[in-house]
Amino acid sequence: MNFLAHLLLSGTPTATPQYADIVVGNFAAEAVRGRAGLLAYPHAVQQGIRLHRFIDSFTDTHPVVRRTTARLRQAGLGKWAGVVSDVATTTCSPATLLISM
């Protein structure tokens, strides 16, 4: 589901210039490490990678997500709290709900 939310947030083919390259970057971003990895790709793919990183950073630092992760950690999920929180917030996000309609 995480990939679906990221792809939906990549824009639309008609409204986003170089949409296909941005989608590729947004999809592949999890495998791209550091600045050197980023710079190995064309500019439009870099935009997708940066978009993915921005989305992850925004959600990871959001107060609701941080509280959810802390509560899950207190409930005994330990190191898995962040993963469960990420899956839950991505699965229940408005972007993902739009896909399932």
PDB file of N, CA and C in Angstrom:
ATOM      1  N   MET A   1       0.813  -1.190   0.000  1.00  0.00           N
ATOM      2  CA  MET A   1       0.000   0.000   0.000  1.00  0.00           C
ATOM      3  C   MET A   1       0.859   1.257   0.000  1.00  0.00           C
ATOM      4  N   ASN A   2       2.018   1.192   0.637  1.00  0.00           N
ATOM      5  CA  ASN A   2       2.888   2.352   0.686  1.00  0.00           C
ATOM      6  C   ASN A   2       3.236   2.820  -0.722  1.00  0.00           C
ATOM      7  N   PHE A   3       3.537   1.870  -1.601  1.00  0.00           N
ATOM      8  CA  PHE A   3       3.873   2.240  -2.972  1.00  0.00           C
ATOM      9  C   PHE A   3       2.682   2.892  -3.666  1.00  0.00           C
ATOM     10  N   LEU A   4       1.483   2.398  -3.414  1.00  0.00           N
ATOM     11  CA  LEU A   4       0.304   2.987  -4.047  1.00  0.00           C
ATOM     12  C   LEU A   4       0.108   4.434  -3.622  1.00  0.00           C
ATOM     13  N   ALA A   5       0.282   4.697  -2.341  1.00  0.00           N
ATOM     14  CA  ALA A   5       0.140   6.075  -1.867  1.00  0.00           C
ATOM     15  C   ALA A   5       1.202   6.970  -2.493  1.00  0.00           C
ATOM     16  N   HIS A   6       2.439   6.494  -2.564  1.00  0.00           N
ATOM     17  CA  HIS A   6       3.504   7.286  -3.180  1.00  0.00           C
ATOM     18  C   HIS A   6       3.215   7.529  -4.663  1.00  0.00           C
ATOM     19  N   LEU A   7       2.744   6.520  -5.354  1.00  0.00           N
ATOM     20  CA  LEU A   7       2.460   6.690  -6.777  1.00  0.00           C
ATOM     21  C   LEU A   7       1.324   7.674  -7.000  1.00  0.00           C
ATOM     22  N   LEU A   8       0.304   7.608  -6.161  1.00  0.00           N
ATOM     23  CA  LEU A   8      -0.803   8.547  -6.292  1.00  0.00           C
ATOM     24  C   LEU A   8      -0.336   9.977  -6.063  1.00  0.00           C
ATOM     25  N   LEU A   9       0.589  10.158  -5.136  1.00  0.00           N
ATOM     26  CA  LEU A   9       1.085  11.494  -4.828  1.00  0.00           C
ATOM     27  C   LEU A   9       2.123  11.994  -5.832  1.00  0.00           C
ATOM     28  N   SER A  10       2.423  11.187  -6.833  1.00  0.00           N
ATOM     29  CA  SER A  10       3.385  11.590  -7.873  1.00  0.00           C
ATOM     30  C   SER A  10       2.780  12.557  -8.885  1.00  0.00           C
ATOM     31  N   GLY A  11       1.488  12.716  -8.877  1.00  0.00           N
ATOM     32  CA  GLY A  11       0.826  13.597  -9.830  1.00  0.00           C
ATOM     33  C   GLY A  11      -0.030  12.800 -10.796  1.00  0.00           C
ATOM     34  N   THR A  12      -0.328  13.412 -11.927  1.00  0.00           N
ATOM     35  CA  THR A  12      -1.129  12.736 -12.959  1.00  0.00           C
ATOM     36  C   THR A  12      -0.428  12.876 -14.302  1.00  0.00           C
ATOM     37  N   PRO A  13      -0.652  11.920 -15.195  1.00  0.00           N
ATOM     38  CA  PRO A  13       0.016  11.985 -16.510  1.00  0.00           C
ATOM     39  C   PRO A  13      -0.294  13.264 -17.292  1.00  0.00           C
ATOM     40  N   THR A  14      -1.498  13.787 -17.149  1.00  0.00           N
ATOM     41  CA  THR A  14      -1.858  14.972 -17.927  1.00  0.00           C
ATOM     42  C   THR A  14      -1.391  16.276 -17.293  1.00  0.00           C
ATOM     43  N   ALA A  15      -1.247  16.299 -15.971  1.00  0.00           N
ATOM     44  CA  ALA A  15      -0.920  17.556 -15.288  1.00  0.00           C
ATOM     45  C   ALA A  15       0.528  17.658 -14.831  1.00  0.00           C
ATOM     46  N   THR A  16       1.269  16.559 -14.873  1.00  0.00           N
ATOM     47  CA  THR A  16       2.628  16.557 -14.341  1.00  0.00           C
ATOM     48  C   THR A  16       3.639  16.350 -15.461  1.00  0.00           C
ATOM     49  N   PRO A  17       4.446  17.370 -15.751  1.00  0.00           N
ATOM     50  CA  PRO A  17       5.485  17.181 -16.769  1.00  0.00           C
ATOM     51  C   PRO A  17       6.444  16.067 -16.345  1.00  0.00           C
ATOM     52  N   GLN A  18       6.829  15.254 -17.286  1.00  0.00           N
ATOM     53  CA  GLN A  18       7.756  14.135 -17.054  1.00  0.00           C
ATOM     54  C   GLN A  18       7.222  13.173 -15.985  1.00  0.00           C
ATOM     55  N   TYR A  19       5.928  12.961 -16.001  1.00  0.00           N
ATOM     56  CA  TYR A  19       5.241  12.118 -15.020  1.00  0.00           C
ATOM     57  C   TYR A  19       5.868  10.734 -14.908  1.00  0.00           C
ATOM     58  N   ALA A  20       6.138  10.087 -16.036  1.00  0.00           N
ATOM     59  CA  ALA A  20       6.661   8.717 -16.013  1.00  0.00           C
ATOM     60  C   ALA A  20       7.993   8.646 -15.265  1.00  0.00           C
ATOM     61  N   ASP A  21       8.882   9.601 -15.512  1.00  0.00           N
ATOM     62  CA  ASP A  21      10.176   9.604 -14.823  1.00  0.00           C
ATOM     63  C   ASP A  21      10.027   9.884 -13.332  1.00  0.00           C
ATOM     64  N   ILE A  22       9.107  10.762 -12.977  1.00  0.00           N
ATOM     65  CA  ILE A  22       8.870  11.066 -11.566  1.00  0.00           C
ATOM     66  C   ILE A  22       8.321   9.837 -10.853  1.00  0.00           C
ATOM     67  N   VAL A  23       7.427   9.114 -11.509  1.00  0.00           N
ATOM     68  CA  VAL A  23       6.884   7.882 -10.918  1.00  0.00           C
ATOM     69  C   VAL A  23       7.995   6.853 -10.717  1.00  0.00           C
ATOM     70  N   VAL A  24       8.869   6.708 -11.710  1.00  0.00           N
ATOM     71  CA  VAL A  24       9.984   5.772 -11.581  1.00  0.00           C
ATOM     72  C   VAL A  24      10.837   6.142 -10.380  1.00  0.00           C
ATOM     73  N   GLY A  25      11.181   7.410 -10.239  1.00  0.00           N
ATOM     74  CA  GLY A  25      11.984   7.852  -9.106  1.00  0.00           C
ATOM     75  C   GLY A  25      11.286   7.652  -7.781  1.00  0.00           C
ATOM     76  N   ASN A  26       9.997   7.963  -7.743  1.00  0.00           N
ATOM     77  CA  ASN A  26       9.231   7.817  -6.515  1.00  0.00           C
ATOM     78  C   ASN A  26       9.139   6.344  -6.122  1.00  0.00           C
ATOM     79  N   PHE A  27       8.999   5.473  -7.100  1.00  0.00           N
ATOM     80  CA  PHE A  27       8.890   4.033  -6.846  1.00  0.00           C
ATOM     81  C   PHE A  27      10.232   3.428  -6.428  1.00  0.00           C
ATOM     82  N   ALA A  28      11.305   3.871  -7.068  1.00  0.00           N
ATOM     83  CA  ALA A  28      12.626   3.273  -6.833  1.00  0.00           C
ATOM     84  C   ALA A  28      13.370   3.897  -5.654  1.00  0.00           C
ATOM     85  N   ALA A  29      12.832   4.936  -5.069  1.00  0.00           N
ATOM     86  CA  ALA A  29      13.555   5.717  -4.059  1.00  0.00           C
ATOM     87  C   ALA A  29      14.032   4.907  -2.864  1.00  0.00           C
ATOM     88  N   GLU A  30      13.305   3.896  -2.479  1.00  0.00           N
ATOM     89  CA  GLU A  30      13.714   3.095  -1.313  1.00  0.00           C
ATOM     90  C   GLU A  30      15.075   2.439  -1.533  1.00  0.00           C
ATOM     91  N   ALA A  31      15.432   2.179  -2.787  1.00  0.00           N
ATOM     92  CA  ALA A  31      16.692   1.497  -3.092  1.00  0.00           C
ATOM     93  C   ALA A  31      17.840   2.468  -3.362  1.00  0.00           C
ATOM     94  N   VAL A  32      17.553   3.762  -3.414  1.00  0.00           N
ATOM     95  CA  VAL A  32      18.579   4.761  -3.734  1.00  0.00           C
ATOM     96  C   VAL A  32      19.143   5.323  -2.428  1.00  0.00           C
ATOM     97  N   ARG A  33      20.435   5.190  -2.252  1.00  0.00           N
ATOM     98  CA  ARG A  33      21.080   5.612  -1.013  1.00  0.00           C
ATOM     99  C   ARG A  33      21.941   6.852  -1.220  1.00  0.00           C
ATOM    100  N   GLY A  34      21.726   7.843  -0.390  1.00  0.00           N
ATOM    101  CA  GLY A  34      22.571   9.023  -0.346  1.00  0.00           C
ATOM    102  C   GLY A  34      22.513   9.926  -1.567  1.00  0.00           C
ATOM    103  N   ARG A  35      23.325  10.965  -1.493  1.00  0.00           N
ATOM    104  CA  ARG A  35      23.376  11.966  -2.567  1.00  0.00           C
ATOM    105  C   ARG A  35      24.011  11.395  -3.828  1.00  0.00           C
ATOM    106  N   ALA A  36      25.044  10.598  -3.682  1.00  0.00           N
ATOM    107  CA  ALA A  36      25.699  10.012  -4.859  1.00  0.00           C
ATOM    108  C   ALA A  36      24.734   9.116  -5.625  1.00  0.00           C
ATOM    109  N   GLY A  37      23.948   8.342  -4.909  1.00  0.00           N
ATOM    110  CA  GLY A  37      22.945   7.504  -5.560  1.00  0.00           C
ATOM    111  C   GLY A  37      21.913   8.338  -6.281  1.00  0.00           C
ATOM    112  N   LEU A  38      21.488   9.424  -5.651  1.00  0.00           N
ATOM    113  CA  LEU A  38      20.515  10.329  -6.255  1.00  0.00           C
ATOM    114  C   LEU A  38      21.046  10.930  -7.544  1.00  0.00           C
ATOM    115  N   LEU A  39      22.283  11.407  -7.517  1.00  0.00           N
ATOM    116  CA  LEU A  39      22.857  12.105  -8.675  1.00  0.00           C
ATOM    117  C   LEU A  39      23.164  11.177  -9.842  1.00  0.00           C
ATOM    118  N   ALA A  40      23.062   9.875  -9.630  1.00  0.00           N
ATOM    119  CA  ALA A  40      23.300   8.915 -10.711  1.00  0.00           C
ATOM    120  C   ALA A  40      22.126   8.852 -11.676  1.00  0.00           C
ATOM    121  N   TYR A  41      21.017   9.484 -11.338  1.00  0.00           N
ATOM    122  CA  TYR A  41      19.800   9.416 -12.155  1.00  0.00           C
ATOM    123  C   TYR A  41      19.553  10.734 -12.886  1.00  0.00           C
ATOM    124  N   PRO A  42      18.791  10.668 -13.987  1.00  0.00           N
ATOM    125  CA  PRO A  42      18.408  11.903 -14.690  1.00  0.00           C
ATOM    126  C   PRO A  42      17.581  12.819 -13.774  1.00  0.00           C
ATOM    127  N   HIS A  43      17.540  14.087 -14.117  1.00  0.00           N
ATOM    128  CA  HIS A  43      16.895  15.105 -13.286  1.00  0.00           C
ATOM    129  C   HIS A  43      15.445  14.747 -12.931  1.00  0.00           C
ATOM    130  N   ALA A  44      14.653  14.310 -13.894  1.00  0.00           N
ATOM    131  CA  ALA A  44      13.239  14.011 -13.626  1.00  0.00           C
ATOM    132  C   ALA A  44      13.097  12.844 -12.658  1.00  0.00           C
ATOM    133  N   VAL A  45      13.943  11.843 -12.760  1.00  0.00           N
ATOM    134  CA  VAL A  45      13.911  10.719 -11.822  1.00  0.00           C
ATOM    135  C   VAL A  45      14.346  11.207 -10.443  1.00  0.00           C
ATOM    136  N   GLN A  46      15.325  12.107 -10.398  1.00  0.00           N
ATOM    137  CA  GLN A  46      15.750  12.699  -9.124  1.00  0.00           C
ATOM    138  C   GLN A  46      14.578  13.401  -8.445  1.00  0.00           C
ATOM    139  N   GLN A  47      13.743  14.078  -9.235  1.00  0.00           N
ATOM    140  CA  GLN A  47      12.571  14.751  -8.667  1.00  0.00           C
ATOM    141  C   GLN A  47      11.658  13.738  -7.971  1.00  0.00           C
ATOM    142  N   GLY A  48      11.467  12.581  -8.598  1.00  0.00           N
ATOM    143  CA  GLY A  48      10.638  11.539  -7.993  1.00  0.00           C
ATOM    144  C   GLY A  48      11.248  10.998  -6.715  1.00  0.00           C
ATOM    145  N   ILE A  49      12.555  10.820  -6.711  1.00  0.00           N
ATOM    146  CA  ILE A  49      13.245  10.339  -5.510  1.00  0.00           C
ATOM    147  C   ILE A  49      13.115  11.368  -4.391  1.00  0.00           C
ATOM    148  N   ARG A  50      13.315  12.634  -4.731  1.00  0.00           N
ATOM    149  CA  ARG A  50      13.182  13.697  -3.725  1.00  0.00           C
ATOM    150  C   ARG A  50      11.750  13.788  -3.198  1.00  0.00           C
ATOM    151  N   LEU A  51      10.779  13.617  -4.098  1.00  0.00           N
ATOM    152  CA  LEU A  51       9.377  13.639  -3.681  1.00  0.00           C
ATOM    153  C   LEU A  51       9.114  12.514  -2.680  1.00  0.00           C
ATOM    154  N   HIS A  52       9.608  11.324  -2.978  1.00  0.00           N
ATOM    155  CA  HIS A  52       9.436  10.180  -2.082  1.00  0.00           C
ATOM    156  C   HIS A  52      10.045  10.480  -0.712  1.00  0.00           C
ATOM    157  N   ARG A  53      11.240  11.034  -0.721  1.00  0.00           N
ATOM    158  CA  ARG A  53      11.918  11.356   0.541  1.00  0.00           C
ATOM    159  C   ARG A  53      11.148  12.421   1.322  1.00  0.00           C
ATOM    160  N   PHE A  54      10.596  13.399   0.608  1.00  0.00           N
ATOM    161  CA  PHE A  54       9.801  14.435   1.268  1.00  0.00           C
ATOM    162  C   PHE A  54       8.557  13.833   1.912  1.00  0.00           C
ATOM    163  N   ILE A  55       7.850  12.979   1.177  1.00  0.00           N
ATOM    164  CA  ILE A  55       6.643  12.347   1.708  1.00  0.00           C
ATOM    165  C   ILE A  55       6.984  11.538   2.955  1.00  0.00           C
ATOM    166  N   ASP A  56       8.042  10.731   2.884  1.00  0.00           N
ATOM    167  CA  ASP A  56       8.451   9.934   4.040  1.00  0.00           C
ATOM    168  C   ASP A  56       8.820  10.820   5.224  1.00  0.00           C
ATOM    169  N   SER A  57       9.569  11.874   4.973  1.00  0.00           N
ATOM    170  CA  SER A  57       9.987  12.780   6.041  1.00  0.00           C
ATOM    171  C   SER A  57       8.774  13.459   6.676  1.00  0.00           C
ATOM    172  N   PHE A  58       7.854  13.922   5.844  1.00  0.00           N
ATOM    173  CA  PHE A  58       6.650  14.589   6.340  1.00  0.00           C
ATOM    174  C   PHE A  58       5.844  13.654   7.232  1.00  0.00           C
ATOM    175  N   THR A  59       5.601  12.441   6.751  1.00  0.00           N
ATOM    176  CA  THR A  59       4.784  11.524   7.545  1.00  0.00           C
ATOM    177  C   THR A  59       5.522  11.055   8.795  1.00  0.00           C
ATOM    178  N   ASP A  60       6.819  10.791   8.689  1.00  0.00           N
ATOM    179  CA  ASP A  60       7.578  10.298   9.841  1.00  0.00           C
ATOM    180  C   ASP A  60       7.676  11.330  10.967  1.00  0.00           C
ATOM    181  N   THR A  61       7.646  12.613  10.622  1.00  0.00           N
ATOM    182  CA  THR A  61       7.773  13.654  11.650  1.00  0.00           C
ATOM    183  C   THR A  61       6.424  14.248  12.055  1.00  0.00           C
ATOM    184  N   HIS A  62       5.357  13.786  11.436  1.00  0.00           N
ATOM    185  CA  HIS A  62       4.032  14.316  11.772  1.00  0.00           C
ATOM    186  C   HIS A  62       3.679  13.924  13.216  1.00  0.00           C
ATOM    187  N   PRO A  63       3.129  14.857  13.983  1.00  0.00           N
ATOM    188  CA  PRO A  63       2.826  14.577  15.394  1.00  0.00           C
ATOM    189  C   PRO A  63       1.920  13.359  15.600  1.00  0.00           C
ATOM    190  N   VAL A  64       0.950  13.166  14.740  1.00  0.00           N
ATOM    191  CA  VAL A  64       0.042  12.023  14.898  1.00  0.00           C
ATOM    192  C   VAL A  64       0.799  10.710  14.701  1.00  0.00           C
ATOM    193  N   VAL A  65       1.654  10.663  13.704  1.00  0.00           N
ATOM    194  CA  VAL A  65       2.432   9.450  13.445  1.00  0.00           C
ATOM    195  C   VAL A  65       3.405   9.193  14.592  1.00  0.00           C
ATOM    196  N   ARG A  66       4.029  10.238  15.083  1.00  0.00           N
ATOM    197  CA  ARG A  66       4.979  10.071  16.196  1.00  0.00           C
ATOM    198  C   ARG A  66       4.271   9.561  17.457  1.00  0.00           C
ATOM    199  N   ARG A  67       3.080  10.106  17.734  1.00  0.00           N
ATOM    200  CA  ARG A  67       2.316   9.626  18.900  1.00  0.00           C
ATOM    201  C   ARG A  67       1.886   8.172  18.713  1.00  0.00           C
ATOM    202  N   THR A  68       1.440   7.843  17.502  1.00  0.00           N
ATOM    203  CA  THR A  68       1.016   6.471  17.212  1.00  0.00           C
ATOM    204  C   THR A  68       2.171   5.503  17.404  1.00  0.00           C
ATOM    205  N   THR A  69       3.340   5.853  16.874  1.00  0.00           N
ATOM    206  CA  THR A  69       4.517   4.994  17.002  1.00  0.00           C
ATOM    207  C   THR A  69       4.899   4.820  18.472  1.00  0.00           C
ATOM    208  N   ALA A  70       4.854   5.899  19.232  1.00  0.00           N
ATOM    209  CA  ALA A  70       5.188   5.816  20.660  1.00  0.00           C
ATOM    210  C   ALA A  70       4.203   4.908  21.393  1.00  0.00           C
ATOM    211  N   ARG A  71       2.928   5.028  21.077  1.00  0.00           N
ATOM    212  CA  ARG A  71       1.918   4.187  21.741  1.00  0.00           C
ATOM    213  C   ARG A  71       2.108   2.720  21.376  1.00  0.00           C
ATOM    214  N   LEU A  72       2.419   2.456  20.116  1.00  0.00           N
ATOM    215  CA  LEU A  72       2.649   1.072  19.693  1.00  0.00           C
ATOM    216  C   LEU A  72       3.892   0.498  20.365  1.00  0.00           C
ATOM    217  N   ARG A  73       4.905   1.342  20.537  1.00  0.00           N
ATOM    218  CA  ARG A  73       6.122   0.896  21.219  1.00  0.00           C
ATOM    219  C   ARG A  73       5.803   0.557  22.677  1.00  0.00           C
ATOM    220  N   GLN A  74       5.007   1.405  23.324  1.00  0.00           N
ATOM    221  CA  GLN A  74       4.605   1.154  24.711  1.00  0.00           C
ATOM    222  C   GLN A  74       3.741  -0.102  24.830  1.00  0.00           C
ATOM    223  N   ALA A  75       3.014  -0.414  23.770  1.00  0.00           N
ATOM    224  CA  ALA A  75       2.142  -1.595  23.778  1.00  0.00           C
ATOM    225  C   ALA A  75       2.924  -2.887  23.568  1.00  0.00           C
ATOM    226  N   GLY A  76       4.235  -2.764  23.382  1.00  0.00           N
ATOM    227  CA  GLY A  76       5.061  -3.951  23.290  1.00  0.00           C
ATOM    228  C   GLY A  76       5.558  -4.312  21.902  1.00  0.00           C
ATOM    229  N   LEU A  77       5.342  -3.443  20.920  1.00  0.00           N
ATOM    230  CA  LEU A  77       5.801  -3.757  19.572  1.00  0.00           C
ATOM    231  C   LEU A  77       7.271  -3.428  19.345  1.00  0.00           C
ATOM    232  N   GLY A  78       7.877  -2.711  20.275  1.00  0.00           N
ATOM    233  CA  GLY A  78       9.306  -2.425  20.190  1.00  0.00           C
ATOM    234  C   GLY A  78       9.727  -1.839  18.857  1.00  0.00           C
ATOM    235  N   LYS A  79      10.761  -2.453  18.254  1.00  0.00           N
ATOM    236  CA  LYS A  79      11.315  -1.921  17.004  1.00  0.00           C
ATOM    237  C   LYS A  79      10.333  -2.008  15.834  1.00  0.00           C
ATOM    238  N   TRP A  80       9.286  -2.796  15.976  1.00  0.00           N
ATOM    239  CA  TRP A  80       8.302  -2.943  14.895  1.00  0.00           C
ATOM    240  C   TRP A  80       7.241  -1.838  14.927  1.00  0.00           C
ATOM    241  N   ALA A  81       7.232  -1.029  15.956  1.00  0.00           N
ATOM    242  CA  ALA A  81       6.221   0.018  16.105  1.00  0.00           C
ATOM    243  C   ALA A  81       6.204   0.967  14.908  1.00  0.00           C
ATOM    244  N   GLY A  82       7.374   1.367  14.431  1.00  0.00           N
ATOM    245  CA  GLY A  82       7.437   2.271  13.284  1.00  0.00           C
ATOM    246  C   GLY A  82       6.892   1.637  12.019  1.00  0.00           C
ATOM    247  N   VAL A  83       7.181   0.359  11.826  1.00  0.00           N
ATOM    248  CA  VAL A  83       6.684  -0.352  10.634  1.00  0.00           C
ATOM    249  C   VAL A  83       5.165  -0.459  10.682  1.00  0.00           C
ATOM    250  N   VAL A  84       4.639  -0.867  11.820  1.00  0.00           N
ATOM    251  CA  VAL A  84       3.187  -1.011  11.962  1.00  0.00           C
ATOM    252  C   VAL A  84       2.508   0.341  11.793  1.00  0.00           C
ATOM    253  N   SER A  85       3.079   1.373  12.383  1.00  0.00           N
ATOM    254  CA  SER A  85       2.525   2.719  12.249  1.00  0.00           C
ATOM    255  C   SER A  85       2.529   3.169  10.793  1.00  0.00           C
ATOM    256  N   ASP A  86       3.635   2.911  10.092  1.00  0.00           N
ATOM    257  CA  ASP A  86       3.742   3.295   8.680  1.00  0.00           C
ATOM    258  C   ASP A  86       2.697   2.576   7.832  1.00  0.00           C
ATOM    259  N   VAL A  87       2.564   1.279   8.034  1.00  0.00           N
ATOM    260  CA  VAL A  87       1.578   0.510   7.269  1.00  0.00           C
ATOM    261  C   VAL A  87       0.164   0.998   7.576  1.00  0.00           C
ATOM    262  N   ALA A  88      -0.119   1.220   8.853  1.00  0.00           N
ATOM    263  CA  ALA A  88      -1.458   1.660   9.244  1.00  0.00           C
ATOM    264  C   ALA A  88      -1.786   3.039   8.686  1.00  0.00           C
ATOM    265  N   THR A  89      -0.857   3.981   8.801  1.00  0.00           N
ATOM    266  CA  THR A  89      -1.151   5.334   8.316  1.00  0.00           C
ATOM    267  C   THR A  89      -1.201   5.383   6.793  1.00  0.00           C
ATOM    268  N   THR A  90      -0.384   4.580   6.129  1.00  0.00           N
ATOM    269  CA  THR A  90      -0.416   4.546   4.668  1.00  0.00           C
ATOM    270  C   THR A  90      -1.693   3.884   4.182  1.00  0.00           C
ATOM    271  N   THR A  91      -2.073   2.797   4.817  1.00  0.00           N
ATOM    272  CA  THR A  91      -3.261   2.061   4.410  1.00  0.00           C
ATOM    273  C   THR A  91      -4.513   2.890   4.642  1.00  0.00           C
ATOM    274  N   CYS A  92      -4.514   3.692   5.675  1.00  0.00           N
ATOM    275  CA  CYS A  92      -5.694   4.485   6.020  1.00  0.00           C
ATOM    276  C   CYS A  92      -5.602   5.923   5.533  1.00  0.00           C
ATOM    277  N   SER A  93      -4.577   6.241   4.745  1.00  0.00           N
ATOM    278  CA  SER A  93      -4.420   7.621   4.290  1.00  0.00           C
ATOM    279  C   SER A  93      -5.468   7.975   3.251  1.00  0.00           C
ATOM    280  N   PRO A  94      -5.841   9.241   3.153  1.00  0.00           N
ATOM    281  CA  PRO A  94      -6.805   9.654   2.134  1.00  0.00           C
ATOM    282  C   PRO A  94      -6.360   9.264   0.731  1.00  0.00           C
ATOM    283  N   ALA A  95      -5.055   9.338   0.445  1.00  0.00           N
ATOM    284  CA  ALA A  95      -4.568   8.981  -0.890  1.00  0.00           C
ATOM    285  C   ALA A  95      -4.874   7.525  -1.192  1.00  0.00           C
ATOM    286  N   THR A  96      -4.632   6.642  -0.247  1.00  0.00           N
ATOM    287  CA  THR A  96      -4.884   5.218  -0.453  1.00  0.00           C
ATOM    288  C   THR A  96      -6.365   4.933  -0.537  1.00  0.00           C
ATOM    289  N   LEU A  97      -7.150   5.638   0.257  1.00  0.00           N
ATOM    290  CA  LEU A  97      -8.592   5.427   0.204  1.00  0.00           C
ATOM    291  C   LEU A  97      -9.159   5.835  -1.150  1.00  0.00           C
ATOM    292  N   LEU A  98      -8.605   6.856  -1.769  1.00  0.00           N
ATOM    293  CA  LEU A  98      -9.049   7.259  -3.104  1.00  0.00           C
ATOM    294  C   LEU A  98      -8.767   6.173  -4.128  1.00  0.00           C
ATOM    295  N   ILE A  99      -7.636   5.485  -3.983  1.00  0.00           N
ATOM    296  CA  ILE A  99      -7.289   4.420  -4.918  1.00  0.00           C
ATOM    297  C   ILE A  99      -8.313   3.294  -4.837  1.00  0.00           C
ATOM    298  N   SER A 100      -8.749   2.974  -3.627  1.00  0.00           N
ATOM    299  CA  SER A 100      -9.618   1.818  -3.437  1.00  0.00           C
ATOM    300  C   SER A 100     -11.069   2.096  -3.827  1.00  0.00           C
ATOM    301  N   MET A 101     -11.409   3.345  -4.108  1.00  0.00           N
ATOM    302  CA  MET A 101     -12.800   3.680  -4.464  1.00  0.00           C
ATOM    303  C   MET A 101     -13.105   3.294  -5.883  1.00  0.00           C
TER     304      MET A 101
END
